[in-house]
Amino acid sequence: MTDTQTADTVVTSPRREATRQKLLDAAALVFAEVGVDAASVEAICERAGFTRGAFYSNFETKDELMLALTERVAGEKIDDVADRVAALQARGEELEPGDLVRRLLDAAFDKKQGILLTSEIRTRAMRDPRLAKTYIEWQSGLVERVGSFIENLAQTYGFRLRVPATEFAGLILQTWEDTAAFAVMSGLGAEETHTLVNERTARLATALVDPV
């Protein structure tokens, strides 16, 4: 690499990162619309407004992009839950277990696009060992983080959990995702999906908690 190339790399690094994020944004939309297998590199590039060259300067394959997207989705969900915990603790409201869980997870997966994308990632992971490893690590990390939030909130609000906090979190998240997927398959609208998911997760949370 020449000095000029090195300088160009340094100068365009932020631009490359912006390109990478736009490609991930576009891939999330295309994957949700047509599925991972049917999504072509050309379709992703067209949605992002870039050429194939831009794609391959950031990702070697579509699978590599899928791995990066999985990691980004995981980080965004964890950040979202963390923000909600901070807001709940700052307000100090009196909440029942079901309402507390609803506030914690509300809107984390409320858009159809997000539900479809999560389902696509899970389906792909069942066929791809590398993606499966990333997905399991993502899911485990999410459960651990949400479990720690639940444990802290249980102490704050005086709830006694009937199962360990991480198990509580895993059951709630699994119910959330499964119910959201069922709602999409059933053709429910956004409001109906939101209501159904909230009802089921709140009911489960109430069953898993003993008020002190």
C-alpha atoms as a PDB file:
ATOM      1  CA  MET A   1       0.000   0.000   0.000  1.00  0.00           C
ATOM      2  CA  THR A   2       1.347   3.414  -0.948  1.00  0.00           C
ATOM      3  CA  ASP A   3       1.468   6.493   1.242  1.00  0.00           C
ATOM      4  CA  THR A   4      -1.360   7.962  -0.826  1.00  0.00           C
ATOM      5  CA  GLN A   5      -3.517   4.869  -0.316  1.00  0.00           C
ATOM      6  CA  THR A   6      -2.831   4.917   3.393  1.00  0.00           C
ATOM      7  CA  ALA A   7      -3.807   8.565   3.621  1.00  0.00           C
ATOM      8  CA  ASP A   8      -6.985   7.914   1.637  1.00  0.00           C
ATOM      9  CA  THR A   9      -7.897   5.053   3.943  1.00  0.00           C
ATOM     10  CA  VAL A  10      -7.553   7.270   7.003  1.00  0.00           C
ATOM     11  CA  VAL A  11      -9.527  10.107   5.424  1.00  0.00           C
ATOM     12  CA  THR A  12     -12.365   7.885   4.155  1.00  0.00           C
ATOM     13  CA  SER A  13     -12.641   5.671   7.254  1.00  0.00           C
ATOM     14  CA  PRO A  14     -15.667   7.554   8.683  1.00  0.00           C
ATOM     15  CA  ARG A  15     -17.226   7.502   5.218  1.00  0.00           C
ATOM     16  CA  ARG A  16     -16.658   3.766   4.973  1.00  0.00           C
ATOM     17  CA  GLU A  17     -18.317   3.257   8.345  1.00  0.00           C
ATOM     18  CA  ALA A  18     -21.279   5.321   7.177  1.00  0.00           C
ATOM     19  CA  THR A  19     -21.454   3.198   4.018  1.00  0.00           C
ATOM     20  CA  ARG A  20     -21.346   0.035   6.115  1.00  0.00           C
ATOM     21  CA  GLN A  21     -24.206   1.226   8.313  1.00  0.00           C
ATOM     22  CA  LYS A  22     -26.317   2.187   5.290  1.00  0.00           C
ATOM     23  CA  LEU A  23     -25.745  -1.274   3.819  1.00  0.00           C
ATOM     24  CA  LEU A  24     -26.845  -2.839   7.107  1.00  0.00           C
ATOM     25  CA  ASP A  25     -29.932  -0.611   7.168  1.00  0.00           C
ATOM     26  CA  ALA A  26     -30.782  -1.633   3.617  1.00  0.00           C
ATOM     27  CA  ALA A  27     -30.152  -5.319   4.327  1.00  0.00           C
ATOM     28  CA  ALA A  28     -32.497  -5.227   7.332  1.00  0.00           C
ATOM     29  CA  LEU A  29     -35.277  -3.895   5.094  1.00  0.00           C
ATOM     30  CA  VAL A  30     -34.659  -6.312   2.225  1.00  0.00           C
ATOM     31  CA  PHE A  31     -34.255  -9.354   4.502  1.00  0.00           C
ATOM     32  CA  ALA A  32     -37.538  -8.518   6.240  1.00  0.00           C
ATOM     33  CA  GLU A  33     -39.337  -8.035   2.925  1.00  0.00           C
ATOM     34  CA  VAL A  34     -38.173 -11.043   0.888  1.00  0.00           C
ATOM     35  CA  GLY A  35     -36.165 -13.232   3.267  1.00  0.00           C
ATOM     36  CA  VAL A  36     -32.431 -13.795   3.494  1.00  0.00           C
ATOM     37  CA  ASP A  37     -32.208 -16.449   0.796  1.00  0.00           C
ATOM     38  CA  ALA A  38     -34.124 -14.403  -1.782  1.00  0.00           C
ATOM     39  CA  ALA A  39     -32.285 -11.175  -0.975  1.00  0.00           C
ATOM     40  CA  SER A  40     -29.555 -10.499  -3.514  1.00  0.00           C
ATOM     41  CA  VAL A  41     -26.476  -8.360  -3.056  1.00  0.00           C
ATOM     42  CA  GLU A  42     -27.754  -6.253  -5.954  1.00  0.00           C
ATOM     43  CA  ALA A  43     -31.084  -5.618  -4.185  1.00  0.00           C
ATOM     44  CA  ILE A  44     -29.319  -4.588  -0.990  1.00  0.00           C
ATOM     45  CA  CYS A  45     -26.998  -2.251  -2.886  1.00  0.00           C
ATOM     46  CA  GLU A  46     -29.882  -0.732  -4.841  1.00  0.00           C
ATOM     47  CA  ARG A  47     -31.827  -0.082  -1.619  1.00  0.00           C
ATOM     48  CA  ALA A  48     -28.735   1.513  -0.042  1.00  0.00           C
ATOM     49  CA  GLY A  49     -27.884   3.526  -3.134  1.00  0.00           C
ATOM     50  CA  PHE A  50     -24.443   1.946  -3.613  1.00  0.00           C
ATOM     51  CA  THR A  51     -22.647  -0.233  -6.136  1.00  0.00           C
ATOM     52  CA  ARG A  52     -21.569  -3.858  -5.670  1.00  0.00           C
ATOM     53  CA  GLY A  53     -18.054  -2.512  -5.201  1.00  0.00           C
ATOM     54  CA  ALA A  54     -19.160  -0.643  -2.077  1.00  0.00           C
ATOM     55  CA  PHE A  55     -20.709  -3.837  -0.749  1.00  0.00           C
ATOM     56  CA  TYR A  56     -17.624  -5.976  -1.276  1.00  0.00           C
ATOM     57  CA  SER A  57     -15.313  -3.354   0.181  1.00  0.00           C
ATOM     58  CA  ASN A  58     -17.222  -3.797   3.466  1.00  0.00           C
ATOM     59  CA  PHE A  59     -18.384  -7.434   3.440  1.00  0.00           C
ATOM     60  CA  GLU A  60     -16.897 -10.473   1.759  1.00  0.00           C
ATOM     61  CA  THR A  61     -20.245 -12.269   1.524  1.00  0.00           C
ATOM     62  CA  LYS A  62     -23.931 -11.820   2.288  1.00  0.00           C
ATOM     63  CA  ASP A  63     -23.465 -14.194   5.239  1.00  0.00           C
ATOM     64  CA  GLU A  64     -20.810 -11.896   6.711  1.00  0.00           C
ATOM     65  CA  LEU A  65     -23.269  -9.013   6.433  1.00  0.00           C
ATOM     66  CA  MET A  66     -25.900 -11.165   8.154  1.00  0.00           C
ATOM     67  CA  LEU A  67     -23.526 -11.797  11.064  1.00  0.00           C
ATOM     68  CA  ALA A  68     -22.800  -8.074  11.394  1.00  0.00           C
ATOM     69  CA  LEU A  69     -26.518  -7.298  11.276  1.00  0.00           C
ATOM     70  CA  THR A  70     -27.233  -9.876  13.985  1.00  0.00           C
ATOM     71  CA  GLU A  71     -24.634  -8.291  16.260  1.00  0.00           C
ATOM     72  CA  ARG A  72     -26.025  -4.798  15.616  1.00  0.00           C
ATOM     73  CA  VAL A  73     -29.609  -5.855  16.335  1.00  0.00           C
ATOM     74  CA  ALA A  74     -28.465  -7.434  19.606  1.00  0.00           C
ATOM     75  CA  GLY A  75     -26.678  -4.278  20.709  1.00  0.00           C
ATOM     76  CA  GLU A  76     -29.631  -2.060  19.842  1.00  0.00           C
ATOM     77  CA  LYS A  77     -32.068  -4.221  21.800  1.00  0.00           C
ATOM     78  CA  ILE A  78     -29.864  -4.331  24.874  1.00  0.00           C
ATOM     79  CA  ASP A  79     -29.338  -0.556  24.729  1.00  0.00           C
ATOM     80  CA  ASP A  80     -33.091  -0.048  24.405  1.00  0.00           C
ATOM     81  CA  VAL A  81     -33.831  -2.164  27.483  1.00  0.00           C
ATOM     82  CA  ALA A  82     -31.077  -0.428  29.465  1.00  0.00           C
ATOM     83  CA  ASP A  83     -32.584   2.982  28.631  1.00  0.00           C
ATOM     84  CA  ARG A  84     -36.003   1.792  29.766  1.00  0.00           C
ATOM     85  CA  VAL A  85     -34.615   0.507  33.073  1.00  0.00           C
ATOM     86  CA  ALA A  86     -32.940   3.860  33.739  1.00  0.00           C
ATOM     87  CA  ALA A  87     -36.192   5.690  32.942  1.00  0.00           C
ATOM     88  CA  LEU A  88     -38.234   3.416  35.226  1.00  0.00           C
ATOM     89  CA  GLN A  89     -35.833   3.850  38.120  1.00  0.00           C
ATOM     90  CA  ALA A  90     -35.748   7.624  37.621  1.00  0.00           C
ATOM     91  CA  ARG A  91     -39.547   7.906  37.730  1.00  0.00           C
ATOM     92  CA  GLY A  92     -39.953   5.612  40.734  1.00  0.00           C
ATOM     93  CA  GLU A  93     -43.550   4.691  39.888  1.00  0.00           C
ATOM     94  CA  GLU A  94     -45.514   2.004  41.738  1.00  0.00           C
ATOM     95  CA  LEU A  95     -45.968  -0.803  39.212  1.00  0.00           C
ATOM     96  CA  GLU A  96     -47.343  -4.334  39.221  1.00  0.00           C
ATOM     97  CA  PRO A  97     -45.048  -7.099  37.827  1.00  0.00           C
ATOM     98  CA  GLY A  98     -46.972  -7.421  34.554  1.00  0.00           C
ATOM     99  CA  ASP A  99     -46.952  -3.675  33.941  1.00  0.00           C
ATOM    100  CA  LEU A 100     -43.277  -3.476  34.860  1.00  0.00           C
ATOM    101  CA  VAL A 101     -42.338  -6.088  32.257  1.00  0.00           C
ATOM    102  CA  ARG A 102     -44.532  -4.386  29.667  1.00  0.00           C
ATOM    103  CA  ARG A 103     -42.775  -1.077  30.306  1.00  0.00           C
ATOM    104  CA  LEU A 104     -39.404  -2.822  30.124  1.00  0.00           C
ATOM    105  CA  LEU A 105     -39.966  -4.546  26.790  1.00  0.00           C
ATOM    106  CA  ASP A 106     -42.652  -2.396  25.220  1.00  0.00           C
ATOM    107  CA  ALA A 107     -41.845  -1.522  21.588  1.00  0.00           C
ATOM    108  CA  ALA A 108     -38.587  -3.481  21.616  1.00  0.00           C
ATOM    109  CA  PHE A 109     -39.943  -5.605  18.743  1.00  0.00           C
ATOM    110  CA  ASP A 110     -43.217  -3.825  17.992  1.00  0.00           C
ATOM    111  CA  LYS A 111     -42.770  -3.200  14.263  1.00  0.00           C
ATOM    112  CA  LYS A 112     -43.595  -5.916  11.763  1.00  0.00           C
ATOM    113  CA  GLN A 113     -40.279  -5.336  10.022  1.00  0.00           C
ATOM    114  CA  GLY A 114     -38.381  -6.046  13.238  1.00  0.00           C
ATOM    115  CA  ILE A 115     -40.402  -9.194  13.911  1.00  0.00           C
ATOM    116  CA  LEU A 116     -39.756 -10.471  10.392  1.00  0.00           C
ATOM    117  CA  LEU A 117     -36.057  -9.676  10.614  1.00  0.00           C
ATOM    118  CA  THR A 118     -35.690 -11.519  13.926  1.00  0.00           C
ATOM    119  CA  SER A 119     -37.535 -14.521  12.478  1.00  0.00           C
ATOM    120  CA  GLU A 120     -35.283 -14.492   9.405  1.00  0.00           C
ATOM    121  CA  ILE A 121     -32.178 -14.441  11.595  1.00  0.00           C
ATOM    122  CA  ARG A 122     -33.466 -17.381  13.662  1.00  0.00           C
ATOM    123  CA  THR A 123     -34.385 -19.405  10.567  1.00  0.00           C
ATOM    124  CA  ARG A 124     -31.024 -18.763   8.946  1.00  0.00           C
ATOM    125  CA  ALA A 125     -29.221 -19.634  12.169  1.00  0.00           C
ATOM    126  CA  MET A 126     -30.803 -23.096  12.172  1.00  0.00           C
ATOM    127  CA  ARG A 127     -29.054 -23.818   8.868  1.00  0.00           C
ATOM    128  CA  ASP A 128     -25.779 -21.932   9.332  1.00  0.00           C
ATOM    129  CA  PRO A 129     -23.441 -23.025  12.176  1.00  0.00           C
ATOM    130  CA  ARG A 130     -21.524 -19.724  12.172  1.00  0.00           C
ATOM    131  CA  LEU A 131     -24.686 -17.653  12.386  1.00  0.00           C
ATOM    132  CA  ALA A 132     -26.093 -20.086  14.960  1.00  0.00           C
ATOM    133  CA  LYS A 133     -23.074 -19.446  17.194  1.00  0.00           C
ATOM    134  CA  THR A 134     -23.514 -15.681  16.865  1.00  0.00           C
ATOM    135  CA  TYR A 135     -27.266 -15.918  17.439  1.00  0.00           C
ATOM    136  CA  ILE A 136     -26.897 -18.061  20.564  1.00  0.00           C
ATOM    137  CA  GLU A 137     -24.282 -15.672  21.970  1.00  0.00           C
ATOM    138  CA  TRP A 138     -26.596 -12.749  21.185  1.00  0.00           C
ATOM    139  CA  GLN A 139     -29.582 -14.428  22.806  1.00  0.00           C
ATOM    140  CA  SER A 140     -27.569 -15.481  25.860  1.00  0.00           C
ATOM    141  CA  GLY A 141     -26.177 -11.974  26.265  1.00  0.00           C
ATOM    142  CA  LEU A 142     -29.630 -10.459  25.953  1.00  0.00           C
ATOM    143  CA  VAL A 143     -31.073 -12.866  28.533  1.00  0.00           C
ATOM    144  CA  GLU A 144     -28.197 -12.183  30.941  1.00  0.00           C
ATOM    145  CA  ARG A 145     -28.546  -8.414  30.639  1.00  0.00           C
ATOM    146  CA  VAL A 146     -32.332  -8.428  30.893  1.00  0.00           C
ATOM    147  CA  GLY A 147     -32.038 -10.878  33.800  1.00  0.00           C
ATOM    148  CA  SER A 148     -29.760  -8.479  35.664  1.00  0.00           C
ATOM    149  CA  PHE A 149     -32.212  -5.641  34.999  1.00  0.00           C
ATOM    150  CA  ILE A 150     -35.105  -7.773  36.257  1.00  0.00           C
ATOM    151  CA  GLU A 151     -33.202  -8.688  39.415  1.00  0.00           C
ATOM    152  CA  ASN A 152     -32.449  -5.053  40.197  1.00  0.00           C
ATOM    153  CA  LEU A 153     -36.023  -3.979  39.501  1.00  0.00           C
ATOM    154  CA  ALA A 154     -37.408  -6.805  41.639  1.00  0.00           C
ATOM    155  CA  GLN A 155     -35.369  -5.489  44.562  1.00  0.00           C
ATOM    156  CA  THR A 156     -36.435  -1.912  43.848  1.00  0.00           C
ATOM    157  CA  TYR A 157     -40.142  -2.752  43.637  1.00  0.00           C
ATOM    158  CA  GLY A 158     -40.188  -5.468  46.286  1.00  0.00           C
ATOM    159  CA  PHE A 159     -41.051  -8.438  44.062  1.00  0.00           C
ATOM    160  CA  ARG A 160     -39.976 -11.994  44.858  1.00  0.00           C
ATOM    161  CA  LEU A 161     -39.155 -13.963  41.693  1.00  0.00           C
ATOM    162  CA  ARG A 162     -40.321 -17.586  41.649  1.00  0.00           C
ATOM    163  CA  VAL A 163     -37.463 -18.543  39.301  1.00  0.00           C
ATOM    164  CA  PRO A 164     -33.902 -17.181  38.857  1.00  0.00           C
ATOM    165  CA  ALA A 165     -33.803 -13.792  37.160  1.00  0.00           C
ATOM    166  CA  THR A 166     -32.099 -15.101  34.012  1.00  0.00           C
ATOM    167  CA  GLU A 167     -34.697 -17.864  33.657  1.00  0.00           C
ATOM    168  CA  PHE A 168     -37.428 -15.269  34.154  1.00  0.00           C
ATOM    169  CA  ALA A 169     -35.897 -13.112  31.425  1.00  0.00           C
ATOM    170  CA  GLY A 170     -35.512 -16.062  29.045  1.00  0.00           C
ATOM    171  CA  LEU A 171     -39.149 -17.104  29.444  1.00  0.00           C
ATOM    172  CA  ILE A 172     -40.428 -13.560  28.969  1.00  0.00           C
ATOM    173  CA  LEU A 173     -38.278 -12.911  25.879  1.00  0.00           C
ATOM    174  CA  GLN A 174     -39.189 -16.260  24.332  1.00  0.00           C
ATOM    175  CA  THR A 175     -42.885 -15.584  24.879  1.00  0.00           C
ATOM    176  CA  TRP A 176     -42.474 -12.101  23.414  1.00  0.00           C
ATOM    177  CA  GLU A 177     -40.789 -13.337  20.232  1.00  0.00           C
ATOM    178  CA  ASP A 178     -43.056 -16.360  19.736  1.00  0.00           C
ATOM    179  CA  THR A 179     -46.223 -14.328  20.263  1.00  0.00           C
ATOM    180  CA  ALA A 180     -45.015 -11.592  17.916  1.00  0.00           C
ATOM    181  CA  ALA A 181     -44.264 -14.175  15.211  1.00  0.00           C
ATOM    182  CA  PHE A 182     -47.682 -15.793  15.750  1.00  0.00           C
ATOM    183  CA  ALA A 183     -49.355 -12.397  15.429  1.00  0.00           C
ATOM    184  CA  VAL A 184     -47.657 -11.708  12.083  1.00  0.00           C
ATOM    185  CA  MET A 185     -48.578 -15.164  10.757  1.00  0.00           C
ATOM    186  CA  SER A 186     -52.163 -14.588  11.877  1.00  0.00           C
ATOM    187  CA  GLY A 187     -52.319 -11.337   9.925  1.00  0.00           C
ATOM    188  CA  LEU A 188     -52.850  -9.145  12.983  1.00  0.00           C
ATOM    189  CA  GLY A 189     -52.308  -5.416  12.651  1.00  0.00           C
ATOM    190  CA  ALA A 190     -49.737  -3.436  14.621  1.00  0.00           C
ATOM    191  CA  GLU A 191     -52.145  -2.450  17.401  1.00  0.00           C
ATOM    192  CA  GLU A 192     -53.540  -5.978  17.761  1.00  0.00           C
ATOM    193  CA  THR A 193     -50.039  -7.452  17.822  1.00  0.00           C
ATOM    194  CA  HIS A 194     -48.967  -4.945  20.440  1.00  0.00           C
ATOM    195  CA  THR A 195     -51.971  -5.775  22.626  1.00  0.00           C
ATOM    196  CA  LEU A 196     -51.565  -9.545  22.306  1.00  0.00           C
ATOM    197  CA  VAL A 197     -47.840  -9.491  23.103  1.00  0.00           C
ATOM    198  CA  ASN A 198     -48.365  -7.208  26.093  1.00  0.00           C
ATOM    199  CA  GLU A 199     -51.166  -9.382  27.458  1.00  0.00           C
ATOM    200  CA  ARG A 200     -49.217 -12.627  27.211  1.00  0.00           C
ATOM    201  CA  THR A 201     -45.954 -11.308  28.624  1.00  0.00           C
ATOM    202  CA  ALA A 202     -47.758  -9.492  31.449  1.00  0.00           C
ATOM    203  CA  ARG A 203     -49.721 -12.625  32.332  1.00  0.00           C
ATOM    204  CA  LEU A 204     -46.554 -14.711  32.402  1.00  0.00           C
ATOM    205  CA  ALA A 205     -44.692 -12.131  34.485  1.00  0.00           C
ATOM    206  CA  THR A 206     -47.508 -12.037  37.013  1.00  0.00           C
ATOM    207  CA  ALA A 207     -47.414 -15.837  37.293  1.00  0.00           C
ATOM    208  CA  LEU A 208     -43.649 -15.808  37.874  1.00  0.00           C
ATOM    209  CA  VAL A 209     -43.647 -13.226  40.672  1.00  0.00           C
ATOM    210  CA  ASP A 210     -44.720 -13.264  44.319  1.00  0.00           C
ATOM    211  CA  PRO A 211     -45.248  -9.740  45.713  1.00  0.00           C
ATOM    212  CA  VAL A 212     -43.434  -9.315  49.042  1.00  0.00           C
END
